[in-house]
Full PDB file with SEQRES, HELIX, SHEET, SSBOND, CRYST1, ORIGX, SCALE, CONECT and MASTER records, all heavy atoms in Angstrom:
SEQRES   1 A   37  TYR TYR LYS GLN ILE VAL GLY CYS ILE GLU LYS PHE GLY          
SEQRES   2 A   37  PRO TYR VAL VAL PHE GLU HIS ASN VAL ALA MET PRO HIS          
SEQRES   3 A   37  SER THR GLU ASN ALA ALA GLY VAL HIS LYS THR                  
HELIX    1 AA1 TYR A    2  PHE A   12  1                                  11    
HELIX    2 AA2 GLU A   19  ASN A   21  5                                   3    
SHEET    1 AA1 2 VAL A  17  PHE A  18  0                                        
SHEET    2 AA1 2 VAL A  22  ALA A  23 -1                                        
CRYST1    1.000    1.000    1.000  90.00  90.00  90.00 P 1           1          
ORIGX1      1.000000  0.000000  0.000000        0.00000                         
ORIGX2      0.000000  1.000000  0.000000        0.00000                         
ORIGX3      0.000000  0.000000  1.000000        0.00000                         
SCALE1      1.000000  0.000000  0.000000        0.00000                         
SCALE2      0.000000  1.000000  0.000000        0.00000                         
SCALE3      0.000000  0.000000  1.000000        0.00000                         
ATOM      1  N   TYR A   1      51.533 214.649  27.797  1.00  0.00           N  
ATOM      2  CA  TYR A   1      52.140 214.104  29.025  1.00  0.00           C  
ATOM      3  C   TYR A   1      51.068 213.622  30.003  1.00  0.00           C  
ATOM      4  O   TYR A   1      51.210 212.572  30.629  1.00  0.00           O  
ATOM      5  CB  TYR A   1      53.041 215.151  29.689  1.00  0.00           C  
ATOM      6  CG  TYR A   1      53.501 214.765  31.079  1.00  0.00           C  
ATOM      7  CD1 TYR A   1      54.347 213.671  31.273  1.00  0.00           C  
ATOM      8  CD2 TYR A   1      53.083 215.472  32.196  1.00  0.00           C  
ATOM      9  CE1 TYR A   1      54.758 213.297  32.544  1.00  0.00           C  
ATOM     10  CE2 TYR A   1      53.492 215.107  33.472  1.00  0.00           C  
ATOM     11  CZ  TYR A   1      54.331 214.017  33.640  1.00  0.00           C  
ATOM     12  OH  TYR A   1      54.724 213.656  34.903  1.00  0.00           O  
ATOM     13  N   TYR A   2      49.990 214.383  30.111  1.00  0.00           N  
ATOM     14  CA  TYR A   2      48.938 214.025  31.064  1.00  0.00           C  
ATOM     15  C   TYR A   2      48.385 212.626  30.800  1.00  0.00           C  
ATOM     16  O   TYR A   2      47.916 211.942  31.725  1.00  0.00           O  
ATOM     17  CB  TYR A   2      47.809 215.069  31.051  1.00  0.00           C  
ATOM     18  CG  TYR A   2      46.797 214.855  29.966  1.00  0.00           C  
ATOM     19  CD1 TYR A   2      45.633 214.141  30.209  1.00  0.00           C  
ATOM     20  CD2 TYR A   2      47.002 215.347  28.676  1.00  0.00           C  
ATOM     21  CE1 TYR A   2      44.698 213.935  29.208  1.00  0.00           C  
ATOM     22  CE2 TYR A   2      46.088 215.141  27.675  1.00  0.00           C  
ATOM     23  CZ  TYR A   2      44.939 214.433  27.937  1.00  0.00           C  
ATOM     24  OH  TYR A   2      44.023 214.220  26.942  1.00  0.00           O  
ATOM     25  N   LYS A   3      48.437 212.157  29.546  1.00  0.00           N  
ATOM     26  CA  LYS A   3      47.907 210.831  29.221  1.00  0.00           C  
ATOM     27  C   LYS A   3      48.683 209.727  29.931  1.00  0.00           C  
ATOM     28  O   LYS A   3      48.108 208.697  30.291  1.00  0.00           O  
ATOM     29  CB  LYS A   3      47.930 210.607  27.704  1.00  0.00           C  
ATOM     30  CG  LYS A   3      46.946 211.491  26.968  1.00  0.00           C  
ATOM     31  CD  LYS A   3      47.038 211.282  25.468  1.00  0.00           C  
ATOM     32  CE  LYS A   3      46.100 212.228  24.723  1.00  0.00           C  
ATOM     33  NZ  LYS A   3      46.253 212.108  23.267  1.00  0.00           N  
ATOM     34  N   GLN A   4      49.990 209.942  30.145  1.00  0.00           N  
ATOM     35  CA  GLN A   4      50.782 208.963  30.901  1.00  0.00           C  
ATOM     36  C   GLN A   4      50.305 208.896  32.346  1.00  0.00           C  
ATOM     37  O   GLN A   4      50.222 207.815  32.933  1.00  0.00           O  
ATOM     38  CB  GLN A   4      52.255 209.338  30.876  1.00  0.00           C  
ATOM     39  CG  GLN A   4      52.893 209.204  29.506  1.00  0.00           C  
ATOM     40  CD  GLN A   4      54.355 209.589  29.557  1.00  0.00           C  
ATOM     41  OE1 GLN A   4      55.122 208.991  30.297  1.00  0.00           O  
ATOM     42  NE2 GLN A   4      54.732 210.590  28.796  1.00  0.00           N  
ATOM     43  N   ILE A   5      49.993 210.062  32.909  1.00  0.00           N  
ATOM     44  CA  ILE A   5      49.507 210.117  34.286  1.00  0.00           C  
ATOM     45  C   ILE A   5      48.152 209.406  34.388  1.00  0.00           C  
ATOM     46  O   ILE A   5      47.935 208.579  35.275  1.00  0.00           O  
ATOM     47  CB  ILE A   5      49.379 211.580  34.766  1.00  0.00           C  
ATOM     48  CG1 ILE A   5      50.741 212.270  34.743  1.00  0.00           C  
ATOM     49  CG2 ILE A   5      48.762 211.628  36.171  1.00  0.00           C  
ATOM     50  CD1 ILE A   5      50.689 213.761  34.990  1.00  0.00           C  
ATOM     51  N   VAL A   6      47.257 209.718  33.461  1.00  0.00           N  
ATOM     52  CA  VAL A   6      45.943 209.078  33.439  1.00  0.00           C  
ATOM     53  C   VAL A   6      46.113 207.561  33.344  1.00  0.00           C  
ATOM     54  O   VAL A   6      45.453 206.804  34.061  1.00  0.00           O  
ATOM     55  CB  VAL A   6      45.076 209.629  32.281  1.00  0.00           C  
ATOM     56  CG1 VAL A   6      43.841 208.767  32.052  1.00  0.00           C  
ATOM     57  CG2 VAL A   6      44.672 211.078  32.563  1.00  0.00           C  
ATOM     58  N   GLY A   7      47.017 207.110  32.478  1.00  0.00           N  
ATOM     59  CA  GLY A   7      47.272 205.679  32.322  1.00  0.00           C  
ATOM     60  C   GLY A   7      47.735 205.024  33.620  1.00  0.00           C  
ATOM     61  O   GLY A   7      47.298 203.926  33.970  1.00  0.00           O  
ATOM     62  N   CYS A   8      48.615 205.704  34.357  1.00  0.00           N  
ATOM     63  CA  CYS A   8      49.096 205.177  35.641  1.00  0.00           C  
ATOM     64  C   CYS A   8      47.957 205.067  36.648  1.00  0.00           C  
ATOM     65  O   CYS A   8      47.844 204.064  37.363  1.00  0.00           O  
ATOM     66  CB  CYS A   8      50.202 206.070  36.208  1.00  0.00           C  
ATOM     67  SG  CYS A   8      51.780 205.946  35.354  1.00  0.00           S  
ATOM     68  N   ILE A   9      47.097 206.075  36.698  1.00  0.00           N  
ATOM     69  CA  ILE A   9      45.980 206.060  37.651  1.00  0.00           C  
ATOM     70  C   ILE A   9      44.981 204.976  37.259  1.00  0.00           C  
ATOM     71  O   ILE A   9      44.457 204.257  38.114  1.00  0.00           O  
ATOM     72  CB  ILE A   9      45.307 207.442  37.745  1.00  0.00           C  
ATOM     73  CG1 ILE A   9      46.304 208.471  38.315  1.00  0.00           C  
ATOM     74  CG2 ILE A   9      44.048 207.377  38.618  1.00  0.00           C  
ATOM     75  CD1 ILE A   9      45.843 209.914  38.223  1.00  0.00           C  
ATOM     76  N   GLU A  10      44.738 204.827  35.955  1.00  0.00           N  
ATOM     77  CA  GLU A  10      43.828 203.766  35.500  1.00  0.00           C  
ATOM     78  C   GLU A  10      44.386 202.394  35.853  1.00  0.00           C  
ATOM     79  O   GLU A  10      43.640 201.488  36.231  1.00  0.00           O  
ATOM     80  CB  GLU A  10      43.581 203.886  33.996  1.00  0.00           C  
ATOM     81  CG  GLU A  10      42.671 205.058  33.651  1.00  0.00           C  
ATOM     82  CD  GLU A  10      42.531 205.304  32.157  1.00  0.00           C  
ATOM     83  OE1 GLU A  10      43.390 204.830  31.372  1.00  0.00           O  
ATOM     84  OE2 GLU A  10      41.568 205.997  31.772  1.00  0.00           O  
ATOM     85  N   LYS A  11      45.699 202.234  35.763  1.00  0.00           N  
ATOM     86  CA  LYS A  11      46.337 200.942  36.032  1.00  0.00           C  
ATOM     87  C   LYS A  11      46.431 200.644  37.528  1.00  0.00           C  
ATOM     88  O   LYS A  11      46.160 199.525  37.956  1.00  0.00           O  
ATOM     89  CB  LYS A  11      47.732 200.920  35.411  1.00  0.00           C  
ATOM     90  CG  LYS A  11      48.458 199.613  35.578  1.00  0.00           C  
ATOM     91  CD  LYS A  11      49.779 199.619  34.826  1.00  0.00           C  
ATOM     92  CE  LYS A  11      50.500 198.294  34.976  1.00  0.00           C  
ATOM     93  NZ  LYS A  11      51.773 198.288  34.237  1.00  0.00           N  
ATOM     94  N   PHE A  12      46.819 201.653  38.329  1.00  0.00           N  
ATOM     95  CA  PHE A  12      47.121 201.415  39.741  1.00  0.00           C  
ATOM     96  C   PHE A  12      46.072 201.950  40.714  1.00  0.00           C  
ATOM     97  O   PHE A  12      46.205 201.784  41.916  1.00  0.00           O  
ATOM     98  CB  PHE A  12      48.487 202.020  40.090  1.00  0.00           C  
ATOM     99  CG  PHE A  12      49.608 201.453  39.288  1.00  0.00           C  
ATOM    100  CD1 PHE A  12      50.266 202.229  38.344  1.00  0.00           C  
ATOM    101  CD2 PHE A  12      50.009 200.128  39.453  1.00  0.00           C  
ATOM    102  CE1 PHE A  12      51.313 201.701  37.592  1.00  0.00           C  
ATOM    103  CE2 PHE A  12      51.050 199.595  38.708  1.00  0.00           C  
ATOM    104  CZ  PHE A  12      51.697 200.384  37.770  1.00  0.00           C  
ATOM    105  N   GLY A  13      45.048 202.622  40.196  1.00  0.00           N  
ATOM    106  CA  GLY A  13      44.018 203.188  41.067  1.00  0.00           C  
ATOM    107  C   GLY A  13      44.378 204.599  41.510  1.00  0.00           C  
ATOM    108  O   GLY A  13      45.416 205.143  41.114  1.00  0.00           O  
ATOM    109  N   PRO A  14      43.547 205.193  42.353  1.00  0.00           N  
ATOM    110  CA  PRO A  14      43.717 206.602  42.731  1.00  0.00           C  
ATOM    111  C   PRO A  14      44.782 206.815  43.819  1.00  0.00           C  
ATOM    112  O   PRO A  14      44.555 207.489  44.817  1.00  0.00           O  
ATOM    113  CB  PRO A  14      42.319 206.998  43.209  1.00  0.00           C  
ATOM    114  CG  PRO A  14      41.738 205.737  43.735  1.00  0.00           C  
ATOM    115  CD  PRO A  14      42.293 204.635  42.864  1.00  0.00           C  
ATOM    116  N   TYR A  15      45.962 206.225  43.613  1.00  0.00           N  
ATOM    117  CA  TYR A  15      47.070 206.335  44.573  1.00  0.00           C  
ATOM    118  C   TYR A  15      47.587 207.766  44.713  1.00  0.00           C  
ATOM    119  O   TYR A  15      48.329 208.070  45.652  1.00  0.00           O  
ATOM    120  CB  TYR A  15      48.228 205.421  44.156  1.00  0.00           C  
ATOM    121  CG  TYR A  15      48.901 205.856  42.873  1.00  0.00           C  
ATOM    122  CD1 TYR A  15      50.060 206.619  42.898  1.00  0.00           C  
ATOM    123  CD2 TYR A  15      48.355 205.527  41.631  1.00  0.00           C  
ATOM    124  CE1 TYR A  15      50.663 207.042  41.719  1.00  0.00           C  
ATOM    125  CE2 TYR A  15      48.940 205.937  40.465  1.00  0.00           C  
ATOM    126  CZ  TYR A  15      50.095 206.691  40.513  1.00  0.00           C  
ATOM    127  OH  TYR A  15      50.684 207.119  39.347  1.00  0.00           O  
ATOM    128  N   VAL A  16      47.214 208.633  43.797  1.00  0.00           N  
ATOM    129  CA  VAL A  16      47.705 210.015  43.806  1.00  0.00           C  
ATOM    130  C   VAL A  16      46.901 210.920  44.744  1.00  0.00           C  
ATOM    131  O   VAL A  16      47.275 212.068  44.957  1.00  0.00           O  
ATOM    132  CB  VAL A  16      47.705 210.625  42.386  1.00  0.00           C  
ATOM    133  CG1 VAL A  16      48.598 209.820  41.454  1.00  0.00           C  
ATOM    134  CG2 VAL A  16      46.295 210.735  41.822  1.00  0.00           C  
ATOM    135  N   VAL A  17      45.802 210.412  45.300  1.00  0.00           N  
ATOM    136  CA  VAL A  17      44.937 211.233  46.159  1.00  0.00           C  
ATOM    137  C   VAL A  17      45.269 210.956  47.621  1.00  0.00           C  
ATOM    138  O   VAL A  17      45.322 209.802  48.056  1.00  0.00           O  
ATOM    139  CB  VAL A  17      43.444 210.949  45.887  1.00  0.00           C  
ATOM    140  CG1 VAL A  17      42.565 211.832  46.764  1.00  0.00           C  
ATOM    141  CG2 VAL A  17      43.117 211.161  44.415  1.00  0.00           C  
ATOM    142  N   PHE A  18      45.487 212.039  48.365  1.00  0.00           N  
ATOM    143  CA  PHE A  18      45.863 211.955  49.763  1.00  0.00           C  
ATOM    144  C   PHE A  18      44.752 212.515  50.651  1.00  0.00           C  
ATOM    145  O   PHE A  18      43.713 212.954  50.166  1.00  0.00           O  
ATOM    146  CB  PHE A  18      47.170 212.724  50.009  1.00  0.00           C  
ATOM    147  CG  PHE A  18      48.304 212.245  49.154  1.00  0.00           C  
ATOM    148  CD1 PHE A  18      48.787 213.029  48.116  1.00  0.00           C  
ATOM    149  CD2 PHE A  18      48.886 211.010  49.368  1.00  0.00           C  
ATOM    150  CE1 PHE A  18      49.830 212.594  47.329  1.00  0.00           C  
ATOM    151  CE2 PHE A  18      49.928 210.560  48.579  1.00  0.00           C  
ATOM    152  CZ  PHE A  18      50.406 211.355  47.551  1.00  0.00           C  
ATOM    153  N   GLU A  19      45.027 212.550  51.936  1.00  0.00           N  
ATOM    154  CA  GLU A  19      44.100 213.152  52.893  1.00  0.00           C  
ATOM    155  C   GLU A  19      43.867 214.614  52.542  1.00  0.00           C  
ATOM    156  O   GLU A  19      44.653 215.239  51.840  1.00  0.00           O  
ATOM    157  CB  GLU A  19      44.683 213.056  54.314  1.00  0.00           C  
ATOM    158  CG  GLU A  19      44.878 211.644  54.817  1.00  0.00           C  
ATOM    159  CD  GLU A  19      43.575 210.890  54.995  1.00  0.00           C  
ATOM    160  OE1 GLU A  19      42.608 211.470  55.527  1.00  0.00           O  
ATOM    161  OE2 GLU A  19      43.526 209.717  54.588  1.00  0.00           O  
ATOM    162  N   HIS A  20      42.817 215.162  53.095  1.00  0.00           N  
ATOM    163  CA  HIS A  20      42.496 216.584  52.998  1.00  0.00           C  
ATOM    164  C   HIS A  20      42.252 217.037  51.552  1.00  0.00           C  
ATOM    165  O   HIS A  20      42.578 218.163  51.183  1.00  0.00           O  
ATOM    166  CB  HIS A  20      43.589 217.429  53.675  1.00  0.00           C  
ATOM    167  CG  HIS A  20      43.036 218.664  54.324  1.00  0.00           C  
ATOM    168  ND1 HIS A  20      42.383 218.620  55.527  1.00  0.00           N  
ATOM    169  CD2 HIS A  20      43.022 219.955  53.931  1.00  0.00           C  
ATOM    170  CE1 HIS A  20      41.998 219.844  55.846  1.00  0.00           C  
ATOM    171  NE2 HIS A  20      42.359 220.672  54.900  1.00  0.00           N  
ATOM    172  N   ASN A  21      41.728 216.142  50.714  1.00  0.00           N  
ATOM    173  CA  ASN A  21      41.323 216.485  49.341  1.00  0.00           C  
ATOM    174  C   ASN A  21      42.454 217.044  48.480  1.00  0.00           C  
ATOM    175  O   ASN A  21      42.277 218.006  47.734  1.00  0.00           O  
ATOM    176  CB  ASN A  21      40.138 217.458  49.370  1.00  0.00           C  
ATOM    177  CG  ASN A  21      38.954 216.877  50.103  1.00  0.00           C  
ATOM    178  OD1 ASN A  21      38.629 215.707  49.929  1.00  0.00           O  
ATOM    179  ND2 ASN A  21      38.317 217.662  50.944  1.00  0.00           N  
ATOM    180  N   VAL A  22      43.614 216.418  48.616  1.00  0.00           N  
ATOM    181  CA  VAL A  22      44.794 216.815  47.852  1.00  0.00           C  
ATOM    182  C   VAL A  22      45.214 215.646  46.965  1.00  0.00           C  
ATOM    183  O   VAL A  22      45.223 214.496  47.404  1.00  0.00           O  
ATOM    184  CB  VAL A  22      45.963 217.175  48.796  1.00  0.00           C  
ATOM    185  CG1 VAL A  22      47.224 217.464  48.007  1.00  0.00           C  
ATOM    186  CG2 VAL A  22      45.594 218.357  49.672  1.00  0.00           C  
ATOM    187  N   ALA A  23      45.571 215.964  45.718  1.00  0.00           N  
ATOM    188  CA  ALA A  23      46.088 214.946  44.806  1.00  0.00           C  
ATOM    189  C   ALA A  23      47.435 215.408  44.253  1.00  0.00           C  
ATOM    190  O   ALA A  23      47.667 216.603  44.078  1.00  0.00           O  
ATOM    191  CB  ALA A  23      45.116 214.694  43.665  1.00  0.00           C  
ATOM    192  N   MET A  24      48.295 214.440  43.998  1.00  0.00           N  
ATOM    193  CA  MET A  24      49.603 214.716  43.411  1.00  0.00           C  
ATOM    194  C   MET A  24      49.787 213.824  42.174  1.00  0.00           C  
ATOM    195  O   MET A  24      50.519 212.838  42.201  1.00  0.00           O  
ATOM    196  CB  MET A  24      50.713 214.460  44.442  1.00  0.00           C  
ATOM    197  CG  MET A  24      52.070 214.941  43.990  1.00  0.00           C  
ATOM    198  SD  MET A  24      53.332 214.812  45.286  1.00  0.00           S  
ATOM    199  CE  MET A  24      53.452 213.045  45.498  1.00  0.00           C  
ATOM    200  N   PRO A  25      49.084 214.171  41.084  1.00  0.00           N  
ATOM    201  CA  PRO A  25      49.222 213.370  39.861  1.00  0.00           C  
ATOM    202  C   PRO A  25      50.658 213.423  39.339  1.00  0.00           C  
ATOM    203  O   PRO A  25      51.285 214.482  39.327  1.00  0.00           O  
ATOM    204  CB  PRO A  25      48.262 214.054  38.879  1.00  0.00           C  
ATOM    205  CG  PRO A  25      47.320 214.836  39.738  1.00  0.00           C  
ATOM    206  CD  PRO A  25      48.114 215.242  40.936  1.00  0.00           C  
ATOM    207  N   HIS A  26      51.147 212.266  38.936  1.00  0.00           N  
ATOM    208  CA  HIS A  26      52.500 212.203  38.386  1.00  0.00           C  
ATOM    209  C   HIS A  26      52.657 210.911  37.596  1.00  0.00           C  
ATOM    210  O   HIS A  26      51.882 209.979  37.755  1.00  0.00           O  
ATOM    211  CB  HIS A  26      53.545 212.263  39.502  1.00  0.00           C  
ATOM    212  CG  HIS A  26      53.409 211.164  40.510  1.00  0.00           C  
ATOM    213  ND1 HIS A  26      52.466 211.204  41.520  1.00  0.00           N  
ATOM    214  CD2 HIS A  26      54.059 209.994  40.655  1.00  0.00           C  
ATOM    215  CE1 HIS A  26      52.564 210.110  42.246  1.00  0.00           C  
ATOM    216  NE2 HIS A  26      53.511 209.355  41.735  1.00  0.00           N  
ATOM    217  N   SER A  27      53.676 210.910  36.766  1.00  0.00           N  
ATOM    218  CA  SER A  27      54.037 209.712  36.021  1.00  0.00           C  
ATOM    219  C   SER A  27      55.365 209.234  36.602  1.00  0.00           C  
ATOM    220  O   SER A  27      55.723 209.602  37.713  1.00  0.00           O  
ATOM    221  CB  SER A  27      54.145 210.046  34.532  1.00  0.00           C  
ATOM    222  OG  SER A  27      54.397 208.889  33.790  1.00  0.00           O  
ATOM    223  N   THR A  28      56.115 208.487  35.842  1.00  0.00           N  
ATOM    224  CA  THR A  28      57.404 208.003  36.317  1.00  0.00           C  
ATOM    225  C   THR A  28      58.478 209.065  36.104  1.00  0.00           C  
ATOM    226  O   THR A  28      58.334 209.953  35.264  1.00  0.00           O  
ATOM    227  CB  THR A  28      57.801 206.726  35.565  1.00  0.00           C  
ATOM    228  OG1 THR A  28      57.791 207.012  34.159  1.00  0.00           O  
ATOM    229  CG2 THR A  28      56.847 205.591  35.860  1.00  0.00           C  
ATOM    230  N   GLU A  29      59.553 208.948  36.873  1.00  0.00           N  
ATOM    231  CA  GLU A  29      60.673 209.862  36.699  1.00  0.00           C  
ATOM    232  C   GLU A  29      61.240 209.685  35.290  1.00  0.00           C  
ATOM    233  O   GLU A  29      61.269 208.571  34.757  1.00  0.00           O  
ATOM    234  CB  GLU A  29      61.753 209.569  37.742  1.00  0.00           C  
ATOM    235  CG  GLU A  29      62.810 210.642  37.802  1.00  0.00           C  
ATOM    236  CD  GLU A  29      63.763 210.447  38.972  1.00  0.00           C  
ATOM    237  OE1 GLU A  29      63.386 209.784  39.948  1.00  0.00           O  
ATOM    238  OE2 GLU A  29      64.882 210.952  38.872  1.00  0.00           O  
ATOM    239  N   ASN A  30      61.675 210.780  34.699  1.00  0.00           N  
ATOM    240  CA  ASN A  30      62.199 210.786  33.334  1.00  0.00           C  
ATOM    241  C   ASN A  30      61.181 210.256  32.321  1.00  0.00           C  
ATOM    242  O   ASN A  30      61.533 209.578  31.357  1.00  0.00           O  
ATOM    243  CB  ASN A  30      63.517 209.994  33.231  1.00  0.00           C  
ATOM    244  CG  ASN A  30      64.622 210.656  34.015  1.00  0.00           C  
ATOM    245  OD1 ASN A  30      64.788 211.873  33.955  1.00  0.00           O  
ATOM    246  ND2 ASN A  30      65.377 209.875  34.758  1.00  0.00           N  
ATOM    247  N   ALA A  31      59.922 210.563  32.564  1.00  0.00           N  
ATOM    248  CA  ALA A  31      58.864 210.127  31.659  1.00  0.00           C  
ATOM    249  C   ALA A  31      59.028 210.804  30.303  1.00  0.00           C  
ATOM    250  O   ALA A  31      59.547 211.916  30.206  1.00  0.00           O  
ATOM    251  CB  ALA A  31      57.495 210.463  32.246  1.00  0.00           C  
ATOM    252  N   ALA A  32      58.575 210.130  29.264  1.00  0.00           N  
ATOM    253  CA  ALA A  32      58.614 210.714  27.929  1.00  0.00           C  
ATOM    254  C   ALA A  32      57.780 211.982  27.915  1.00  0.00           C  
ATOM    255  O   ALA A  32      56.723 212.050  28.529  1.00  0.00           O  
ATOM    256  CB  ALA A  32      58.064 209.711  26.915  1.00  0.00           C  
ATOM    257  N   GLY A  33      58.286 212.987  27.245  1.00  0.00           N  
ATOM    258  CA  GLY A  33      57.539 214.227  27.114  1.00  0.00           C  
ATOM    259  C   GLY A  33      57.805 215.245  28.200  1.00  0.00           C  
ATOM    260  O   GLY A  33      57.209 216.315  28.204  1.00  0.00           O  
ATOM    261  N   VAL A  34      58.695 214.931  29.157  1.00  0.00           N  
ATOM    262  CA  VAL A  34      59.048 215.887  30.198  1.00  0.00           C  
ATOM    263  C   VAL A  34      60.373 216.546  29.825  1.00  0.00           C  
ATOM    264  O   VAL A  34      61.370 215.872  29.592  1.00  0.00           O  
ATOM    265  CB  VAL A  34      59.175 215.209  31.582  1.00  0.00           C  
ATOM    266  CG1 VAL A  34      59.638 216.212  32.636  1.00  0.00           C  
ATOM    267  CG2 VAL A  34      57.857 214.584  31.988  1.00  0.00           C  
ATOM    268  N   HIS A  35      60.368 217.875  29.766  1.00  0.00           N  
ATOM    269  CA  HIS A  35      61.563 218.623  29.370  1.00  0.00           C  
ATOM    270  C   HIS A  35      62.174 219.418  30.512  1.00  0.00           C  
ATOM    271  O   HIS A  35      63.350 219.749  30.484  1.00  0.00           O  
ATOM    272  CB  HIS A  35      61.231 219.556  28.203  1.00  0.00           C  
ATOM    273  CG  HIS A  35      60.564 218.830  27.078  1.00  0.00           C  
ATOM    274  ND1 HIS A  35      61.219 217.909  26.281  1.00  0.00           N  
ATOM    275  CD2 HIS A  35      59.286 218.841  26.648  1.00  0.00           C  
ATOM    276  CE1 HIS A  35      60.376 217.410  25.393  1.00  0.00           C  
ATOM    277  NE2 HIS A  35      59.188 217.953  25.596  1.00  0.00           N  
ATOM    278  N   LYS A  36      61.344 219.762  31.521  1.00  0.00           N  
ATOM    279  CA  LYS A  36      61.809 220.507  32.693  1.00  0.00           C  
ATOM    280  C   LYS A  36      61.087 219.972  33.923  1.00  0.00           C  
ATOM    281  O   LYS A  36      59.910 219.625  33.840  1.00  0.00           O  
ATOM    282  CB  LYS A  36      61.485 222.006  32.565  1.00  0.00           C  
ATOM    283  CG  LYS A  36      62.115 222.718  31.404  1.00  0.00           C  
ATOM    284  CD  LYS A  36      61.660 224.183  31.415  1.00  0.00           C  
ATOM    285  CE  LYS A  36      61.680 224.772  30.030  1.00  0.00           C  
ATOM    286  NZ  LYS A  36      60.951 226.039  29.951  1.00  0.00           N  
ATOM    287  N   THR A  37      61.784 219.954  35.041  1.00  0.00           N  
ATOM    288  CA  THR A  37      61.153 219.578  36.295  1.00  0.00           C  
ATOM    289  C   THR A  37      60.254 220.721  36.753  1.00  0.00           C  
ATOM    290  O   THR A  37      60.654 221.884  36.692  1.00  0.00           O  
ATOM    291  CB  THR A  37      62.224 219.279  37.368  1.00  0.00           C  
ATOM    292  OG1 THR A  37      63.000 218.159  36.916  1.00  0.00           O  
ATOM    293  CG2 THR A  37      61.602 218.947  38.710  1.00  0.00           C  
TER     294      THR A  37                                                      
MASTER        0    0    0    2    2    0    0    6  293    1    0    3          
END                                                                             
């Protein structure tokens, strides 16, 4: 699953990183390989 997240960051840049040294890595909703929220 993490490979989808890496792919999104590689494609769109480090949009997952916020202020105060916090990141919220994620893929798309209902991404392949996700079984539980």
